[in-house]
Amino acid sequence: MLVGGWEYNFIGIMQSGTPVDLPGNVDIVGNINVDNQSFSQWFNGCVAATNGTASCSNPAWQLRGPNTLRTDPFRVASIRNPSRPIWDMSLNKRIFITERFDFQARLEAFNVFNTPIRSGPVTDPTRKDFGQILLSQSNIPRQVQIGLKLNF
């Protein structure tokens, strides 16, 4: 009774991050990609003012003046939210009591390895942390549930 009737299941989710929505009050005027991408610099966050002056040496964005039409796309393929593989697993044991009755015990875990996926980058060009990823988590932490079931 203890050796047989075990089931093990797993689901792995491996995908790229979703595209980041671009801010509506800036235009792309330079290279938004960075070498050695990190949470502190997810993309080039150097922004020039509406008159073209910038406090950084390599502006990739320019603030748009009021009442101007948007000419940039809403998303760029090279800027994506962070992503990492997530694993869900379950272990089930079925115990036959009689020919008509059986009992099932289930142990299920979601995000088994407790892998955090950070939220997307800051997309407000007026903030000093524009282009950075903050330490908030966008996915659920590990969750474990136990279930018992009687079949008849």
Protein backbone atom coordinates (compact mmCIF):
# COMPACT_ATOMS: atom_id res chain seq x y z
CA MET A 1 0.00 0.00 0.00
CA LEU A 2 2.86 2.43 0.68
CA VAL A 3 4.95 1.75 -2.41
CA GLY A 4 2.37 1.87 -5.22
CA GLY A 5 -0.11 4.50 -6.33
CA TRP A 6 2.22 7.54 -6.37
CA GLU A 7 2.00 10.26 -9.03
CA TYR A 8 4.42 13.14 -9.58
CA ASN A 9 3.55 16.06 -11.88
CA PHE A 10 5.35 19.25 -12.80
CA ILE A 11 4.75 22.23 -15.01
CA GLY A 12 7.53 24.56 -16.07
CA ILE A 13 6.85 28.01 -17.46
CA MET A 14 9.72 29.48 -19.45
CA GLN A 15 8.94 32.58 -21.45
CA SER A 16 10.34 35.97 -22.25
CA GLY A 17 9.07 38.98 -20.36
CA THR A 18 6.13 40.96 -21.64
CA PRO A 19 6.81 44.17 -23.59
CA VAL A 20 7.08 47.35 -21.57
CA ASP A 21 4.58 50.10 -22.35
CA LEU A 22 6.47 53.21 -23.39
CA PRO A 23 5.69 56.51 -21.72
CA GLY A 24 3.39 58.82 -23.65
CA ASN A 25 5.15 62.09 -22.91
CA VAL A 26 8.54 61.37 -24.53
CA ASP A 27 9.92 60.53 -27.97
CA ILE A 28 12.75 58.09 -28.66
CA VAL A 29 15.69 60.10 -30.05
CA GLY A 30 18.62 57.74 -29.46
CA ASN A 31 19.67 54.21 -28.59
CA ILE A 32 17.56 52.92 -25.70
CA ASN A 33 19.56 49.68 -25.27
CA VAL A 34 22.38 49.43 -22.74
CA ASP A 35 25.38 47.15 -22.43
CA ASN A 36 25.34 44.97 -19.29
CA GLN A 37 21.66 45.40 -18.51
CA SER A 38 20.97 45.40 -14.74
CA PHE A 39 18.15 46.30 -12.37
CA SER A 40 19.76 49.71 -11.82
CA GLN A 41 19.80 50.40 -15.58
CA TRP A 42 17.26 48.30 -17.50
CA PHE A 43 17.36 50.69 -20.47
CA ASN A 44 18.97 54.02 -21.28
CA GLY A 45 17.04 56.45 -19.10
CA CYS A 46 18.78 59.64 -20.23
CA VAL A 47 16.05 62.20 -20.98
CA ALA A 48 16.46 65.57 -22.72
CA ALA A 49 14.08 68.44 -22.02
CA THR A 50 11.75 69.87 -24.67
CA ASN A 51 14.44 72.41 -25.63
CA GLY A 52 16.95 69.59 -26.27
CA THR A 53 19.16 70.13 -23.21
CA ALA A 54 20.02 67.07 -21.14
CA SER A 55 21.83 66.54 -17.86
CA CYS A 56 23.40 63.33 -19.23
CA SER A 57 25.74 62.74 -22.15
CA ASN A 58 23.74 60.20 -24.17
CA PRO A 59 20.03 61.13 -24.35
CA ALA A 60 17.75 58.39 -25.67
CA TRP A 61 14.49 60.19 -24.89
CA GLN A 62 13.21 63.71 -25.30
CA LEU A 63 10.31 65.16 -23.37
CA ARG A 64 7.45 66.07 -25.64
CA GLY A 65 5.92 69.50 -25.62
CA PRO A 66 2.24 69.94 -24.78
CA ASN A 67 -0.37 69.27 -27.47
CA THR A 68 1.90 67.18 -29.73
CA LEU A 69 0.88 63.97 -31.44
CA ARG A 70 2.54 60.68 -30.59
CA THR A 71 4.81 59.37 -33.35
CA ASP A 72 6.53 56.50 -31.49
CA PRO A 73 5.03 53.03 -31.09
CA PHE A 74 3.49 52.13 -27.74
CA ARG A 75 5.99 49.27 -27.30
CA VAL A 76 9.52 48.45 -28.41
CA ALA A 77 10.58 44.80 -28.70
CA SER A 78 13.96 45.41 -27.07
CA ILE A 79 12.48 46.59 -23.76
CA ARG A 80 10.83 43.70 -21.95
CA ASN A 81 9.87 43.09 -18.34
CA PRO A 82 12.04 40.66 -16.36
CA SER A 83 11.22 36.97 -16.53
CA ARG A 84 12.56 33.75 -15.05
CA PRO A 85 11.49 30.09 -15.18
CA ILE A 86 8.73 29.14 -12.73
CA TRP A 87 8.02 25.55 -11.64
CA ASP A 88 4.80 24.10 -10.19
CA MET A 89 4.83 20.53 -8.81
CA SER A 90 2.45 18.06 -7.23
CA LEU A 91 2.77 14.71 -5.49
CA ASN A 92 -0.32 12.50 -5.24
CA LYS A 93 -0.88 9.20 -3.43
CA ARG A 94 -3.91 7.01 -4.08
CA ILE A 95 -4.80 4.39 -1.48
CA PHE A 96 -7.40 1.76 -2.35
CA ILE A 97 -9.52 0.94 0.70
CA THR A 98 -11.93 -1.46 -1.02
CA GLU A 99 -12.81 -2.11 -4.62
CA ARG A 100 -15.41 0.63 -4.43
CA PHE A 101 -13.65 3.18 -2.20
CA ASP A 102 -10.29 4.84 -2.58
CA PHE A 103 -8.62 7.74 -0.86
CA GLN A 104 -6.34 10.32 -2.48
CA ALA A 105 -3.85 12.63 -0.73
CA ARG A 106 -2.40 15.54 -2.70
CA LEU A 107 0.50 17.89 -2.03
CA GLU A 108 0.71 20.76 -4.55
CA ALA A 109 3.26 23.57 -4.66
CA PHE A 110 3.17 26.61 -6.91
CA ASN A 111 6.42 28.50 -7.62
CA VAL A 112 8.26 25.66 -5.86
CA PHE A 113 11.70 27.30 -5.86
CA ASN A 114 10.23 30.67 -4.73
CA THR A 115 11.69 32.44 -7.76
CA PRO A 116 10.94 36.17 -7.63
CA ILE A 117 10.15 38.01 -10.84
CA ARG A 118 10.68 41.72 -10.44
CA SER A 119 8.13 44.26 -11.62
CA GLY A 120 8.81 46.20 -14.79
CA PRO A 121 11.01 49.27 -15.05
CA VAL A 122 9.91 52.75 -14.04
CA THR A 123 8.45 54.38 -17.17
CA ASP A 124 7.81 57.88 -15.87
CA PRO A 125 10.53 60.04 -17.47
CA THR A 126 10.12 62.78 -14.87
CA ARG A 127 11.34 60.48 -12.06
CA LYS A 128 15.04 60.17 -11.26
CA ASP A 129 14.77 56.34 -11.27
CA PHE A 130 13.42 56.25 -14.88
CA GLY A 131 14.65 53.03 -16.52
CA GLN A 132 15.37 51.24 -13.24
CA ILE A 133 13.70 48.14 -11.84
CA LEU A 134 12.58 48.49 -8.25
CA LEU A 135 12.61 45.60 -5.78
CA SER A 136 8.90 44.80 -5.92
CA GLN A 137 7.79 41.32 -6.97
CA SER A 138 5.23 40.80 -9.75
CA ASN A 139 4.56 37.07 -9.29
CA ILE A 140 3.25 35.07 -6.35
CA PRO A 141 5.63 33.67 -3.74
CA ARG A 142 5.68 29.92 -3.09
CA GLN A 143 2.27 28.53 -2.19
CA VAL A 144 1.69 25.01 -0.89
CA GLN A 145 -1.65 23.28 -0.49
CA ILE A 146 -2.68 19.88 0.80
CA GLY A 147 -5.84 18.12 -0.30
CA LEU A 148 -7.64 14.95 0.72
CA LYS A 149 -10.26 13.25 -1.39
CA LEU A 150 -12.48 10.22 -0.91
CA ASN A 151 -13.72 8.57 -4.12
CA PHE A 152 -16.68 6.18 -4.06
